[in-house]
Amino acid sequence: MLPFEKDYVEKENSKLIEIRKEFYSYLDSNIPKKEDGSFDFSSEAKLDAKEVYERFFKLDYQARKLRALLVQTYDLKAE
């Protein structure tokens, strides 16, 4: 028996995907793009450092939470 139900792991994975989308949506709306679609950092876009940190922390937390679930569920070696 796996330590976590598949539905729970899928739910946590969906949360990670949603948080990632929100993070990139924030970047997309605050950093101009080049013609090729990549971010144009030469424009010196001003971002709110606190908001970037809070959004990244949320993303990182969810990624670490999911990683721990996967390590336990599949008995992976954590590095």
N, C-alpha and C. Protein backbone atom coordinates (compact mmCIF):
# COMPACT_ATOMS: atom_id res chain seq x y z
N MET A 1 0.85 -1.19 0.00
CA MET A 1 0.00 0.00 0.00
C MET A 1 0.89 1.25 0.00
N LEU A 2 0.55 2.19 -0.82
CA LEU A 2 1.30 3.43 -0.89
C LEU A 2 0.96 4.32 0.30
N PRO A 3 1.94 5.10 0.79
CA PRO A 3 1.68 5.98 1.93
C PRO A 3 0.60 7.02 1.67
N PHE A 4 0.44 7.44 0.44
CA PHE A 4 -0.55 8.46 0.11
C PHE A 4 -1.42 7.96 -1.03
N GLU A 5 -2.69 8.29 -0.96
CA GLU A 5 -3.60 7.92 -2.02
C GLU A 5 -3.27 8.70 -3.29
N LYS A 6 -3.49 8.06 -4.42
CA LYS A 6 -3.22 8.69 -5.72
C LYS A 6 -3.99 10.00 -5.87
N ASP A 7 -5.24 10.02 -5.43
CA ASP A 7 -6.06 11.24 -5.55
C ASP A 7 -5.43 12.41 -4.80
N TYR A 8 -4.87 12.14 -3.63
CA TYR A 8 -4.24 13.20 -2.85
C TYR A 8 -3.00 13.74 -3.56
N VAL A 9 -2.18 12.85 -4.07
CA VAL A 9 -0.97 13.27 -4.80
C VAL A 9 -1.37 14.06 -6.05
N GLU A 10 -2.38 13.61 -6.76
CA GLU A 10 -2.85 14.33 -7.94
C GLU A 10 -3.37 15.72 -7.58
N LYS A 11 -4.06 15.82 -6.45
CA LYS A 11 -4.57 17.12 -5.99
C LYS A 11 -3.42 18.07 -5.69
N GLU A 12 -2.39 17.59 -5.03
CA GLU A 12 -1.23 18.42 -4.70
C GLU A 12 -0.47 18.81 -5.97
N ASN A 13 -0.42 17.91 -6.93
CA ASN A 13 0.22 18.22 -8.21
C ASN A 13 -0.56 19.30 -8.96
N SER A 14 -1.87 19.21 -8.92
CA SER A 14 -2.71 20.22 -9.56
C SER A 14 -2.51 21.59 -8.91
N LYS A 15 -2.35 21.60 -7.59
CA LYS A 15 -2.07 22.86 -6.88
C LYS A 15 -0.76 23.46 -7.38
N LEU A 16 0.25 22.62 -7.53
CA LEU A 16 1.56 23.10 -8.01
C LEU A 16 1.42 23.71 -9.40
N ILE A 17 0.70 23.04 -10.27
CA ILE A 17 0.51 23.53 -11.64
C ILE A 17 -0.21 24.88 -11.62
N GLU A 18 -1.23 25.01 -10.79
CA GLU A 18 -1.98 26.27 -10.71
C GLU A 18 -1.12 27.40 -10.16
N ILE A 19 -0.35 27.13 -9.12
CA ILE A 19 0.53 28.15 -8.53
C ILE A 19 1.59 28.57 -9.55
N ARG A 20 2.11 27.62 -10.30
CA ARG A 20 3.10 27.93 -11.33
C ARG A 20 2.49 28.83 -12.40
N LYS A 21 1.27 28.52 -12.82
CA LYS A 21 0.58 29.36 -13.81
C LYS A 21 0.41 30.77 -13.29
N GLU A 22 0.01 30.91 -12.03
CA GLU A 22 -0.17 32.23 -11.43
C GLU A 22 1.15 33.00 -11.39
N PHE A 23 2.23 32.31 -11.05
CA PHE A 23 3.54 32.95 -10.98
C PHE A 23 3.95 33.48 -12.36
N TYR A 24 3.83 32.64 -13.37
CA TYR A 24 4.22 33.07 -14.72
C TYR A 24 3.25 34.12 -15.27
N SER A 25 2.00 34.07 -14.89
CA SER A 25 1.05 35.10 -15.30
C SER A 25 1.47 36.45 -14.72
N TYR A 26 1.90 36.45 -13.48
CA TYR A 26 2.40 37.68 -12.85
C TYR A 26 3.61 38.22 -13.61
N LEU A 27 4.56 37.34 -13.93
CA LEU A 27 5.73 37.77 -14.68
C LEU A 27 5.33 38.28 -16.06
N ASP A 28 4.44 37.55 -16.73
CA ASP A 28 3.99 37.95 -18.07
C ASP A 28 3.35 39.33 -18.06
N SER A 29 2.63 39.65 -17.01
CA SER A 29 1.94 40.94 -16.97
C SER A 29 2.82 42.08 -16.48
N ASN A 30 4.02 41.76 -15.97
CA ASN A 30 4.88 42.80 -15.43
C ASN A 30 6.23 42.95 -16.11
N ILE A 31 6.56 42.05 -17.02
CA ILE A 31 7.84 42.14 -17.73
C ILE A 31 7.53 42.13 -19.22
N PRO A 32 8.00 43.15 -19.94
CA PRO A 32 7.76 43.19 -21.38
C PRO A 32 8.39 41.98 -22.07
N LYS A 33 7.87 41.67 -23.25
CA LYS A 33 8.38 40.54 -24.03
C LYS A 33 9.05 41.02 -25.30
N LYS A 34 10.02 40.23 -25.73
CA LYS A 34 10.66 40.46 -27.03
C LYS A 34 9.75 39.88 -28.11
N GLU A 35 10.08 40.15 -29.35
CA GLU A 35 9.27 39.61 -30.46
C GLU A 35 9.20 38.09 -30.46
N ASP A 36 10.28 37.45 -29.99
CA ASP A 36 10.30 35.99 -29.98
C ASP A 36 9.54 35.39 -28.78
N GLY A 37 8.97 36.25 -27.94
CA GLY A 37 8.18 35.77 -26.81
C GLY A 37 8.95 35.64 -25.51
N SER A 38 10.26 35.79 -25.54
CA SER A 38 11.05 35.69 -24.31
C SER A 38 10.97 37.02 -23.55
N PHE A 39 11.27 36.98 -22.27
CA PHE A 39 11.22 38.18 -21.45
C PHE A 39 12.30 39.17 -21.88
N ASP A 40 11.95 40.43 -21.90
CA ASP A 40 12.89 41.49 -22.26
C ASP A 40 13.37 42.19 -20.99
N PHE A 41 14.44 41.66 -20.42
CA PHE A 41 14.97 42.20 -19.18
C PHE A 41 15.75 43.49 -19.40
N SER A 42 16.05 43.82 -20.64
CA SER A 42 16.78 45.06 -20.92
C SER A 42 15.93 46.29 -20.66
N SER A 43 14.62 46.11 -20.56
CA SER A 43 13.73 47.25 -20.34
C SER A 43 13.71 47.70 -18.88
N GLU A 44 14.41 46.97 -18.03
CA GLU A 44 14.50 47.28 -16.61
C GLU A 44 13.12 47.40 -15.96
N ALA A 45 12.31 46.41 -16.17
CA ALA A 45 10.98 46.38 -15.58
C ALA A 45 11.09 46.43 -14.06
N LYS A 46 10.22 47.17 -13.44
CA LYS A 46 10.21 47.29 -11.98
C LYS A 46 9.19 46.30 -11.41
N LEU A 47 9.69 45.39 -10.63
CA LEU A 47 8.82 44.42 -9.97
C LEU A 47 8.85 44.67 -8.47
N ASP A 48 7.73 44.41 -7.83
CA ASP A 48 7.64 44.51 -6.39
C ASP A 48 8.35 43.29 -5.79
N ALA A 49 9.51 43.53 -5.17
CA ALA A 49 10.32 42.42 -4.65
C ALA A 49 9.56 41.57 -3.65
N LYS A 50 8.77 42.20 -2.80
CA LYS A 50 8.01 41.45 -1.80
C LYS A 50 7.00 40.54 -2.48
N GLU A 51 6.32 41.06 -3.50
CA GLU A 51 5.32 40.24 -4.19
C GLU A 51 5.99 39.09 -4.95
N VAL A 52 7.12 39.36 -5.58
CA VAL A 52 7.85 38.28 -6.28
C VAL A 52 8.25 37.21 -5.28
N TYR A 53 8.79 37.62 -4.13
CA TYR A 53 9.19 36.67 -3.11
C TYR A 53 8.00 35.84 -2.62
N GLU A 54 6.88 36.51 -2.31
CA GLU A 54 5.71 35.79 -1.81
C GLU A 54 5.20 34.78 -2.83
N ARG A 55 5.18 35.17 -4.09
CA ARG A 55 4.72 34.25 -5.14
C ARG A 55 5.68 33.09 -5.34
N PHE A 56 6.98 33.40 -5.31
CA PHE A 56 7.97 32.33 -5.47
C PHE A 56 7.94 31.39 -4.27
N PHE A 57 7.83 31.95 -3.07
CA PHE A 57 7.79 31.11 -1.87
C PHE A 57 6.63 30.13 -1.94
N LYS A 58 5.47 30.61 -2.37
CA LYS A 58 4.28 29.75 -2.51
C LYS A 58 4.55 28.61 -3.51
N LEU A 59 5.17 28.95 -4.62
CA LEU A 59 5.52 27.95 -5.64
C LEU A 59 6.53 26.95 -5.09
N ASP A 60 7.57 27.46 -4.46
CA ASP A 60 8.62 26.60 -3.91
C ASP A 60 8.08 25.69 -2.81
N TYR A 61 7.25 26.23 -1.94
CA TYR A 61 6.66 25.44 -0.85
C TYR A 61 5.86 24.27 -1.41
N GLN A 62 5.02 24.56 -2.41
CA GLN A 62 4.20 23.49 -2.99
C GLN A 62 5.07 22.45 -3.69
N ALA A 63 6.12 22.90 -4.36
CA ALA A 63 7.03 21.95 -5.03
C ALA A 63 7.73 21.05 -4.01
N ARG A 64 8.18 21.64 -2.90
CA ARG A 64 8.83 20.83 -1.86
C ARG A 64 7.85 19.88 -1.20
N LYS A 65 6.61 20.32 -1.02
CA LYS A 65 5.57 19.46 -0.43
C LYS A 65 5.30 18.26 -1.35
N LEU A 66 5.15 18.54 -2.64
CA LEU A 66 4.91 17.46 -3.60
C LEU A 66 6.11 16.52 -3.67
N ARG A 67 7.30 17.08 -3.65
CA ARG A 67 8.52 16.25 -3.69
C ARG A 67 8.54 15.28 -2.52
N ALA A 68 8.21 15.78 -1.32
CA ALA A 68 8.20 14.91 -0.14
C ALA A 68 7.18 13.78 -0.29
N LEU A 69 6.01 14.11 -0.86
CA LEU A 69 4.99 13.07 -1.08
C LEU A 69 5.51 12.00 -2.05
N LEU A 70 6.15 12.45 -3.11
CA LEU A 70 6.66 11.50 -4.10
C LEU A 70 7.79 10.65 -3.54
N VAL A 71 8.67 11.26 -2.76
CA VAL A 71 9.78 10.51 -2.15
C VAL A 71 9.22 9.42 -1.23
N GLN A 72 8.22 9.79 -0.41
CA GLN A 72 7.63 8.80 0.50
C GLN A 72 6.83 7.75 -0.25
N THR A 73 6.03 8.18 -1.19
CA THR A 73 5.15 7.26 -1.89
C THR A 73 5.92 6.24 -2.71
N TYR A 74 6.97 6.67 -3.36
CA TYR A 74 7.71 5.78 -4.26
C TYR A 74 9.06 5.36 -3.68
N ASP A 75 9.26 5.63 -2.39
CA ASP A 75 10.48 5.23 -1.70
C ASP A 75 11.73 5.65 -2.47
N LEU A 76 11.73 6.92 -2.88
CA LEU A 76 12.87 7.47 -3.61
C LEU A 76 13.94 7.95 -2.65
N LYS A 77 15.14 8.05 -3.15
CA LYS A 77 16.24 8.57 -2.34
C LYS A 77 16.19 10.09 -2.39
N ALA A 78 16.02 10.71 -1.24
CA ALA A 78 16.00 12.19 -1.17
C ALA A 78 17.42 12.70 -1.05
N GLU A 79 17.73 13.67 -1.85
CA GLU A 79 19.09 14.25 -1.79
C GLU A 79 19.05 15.59 -1.17
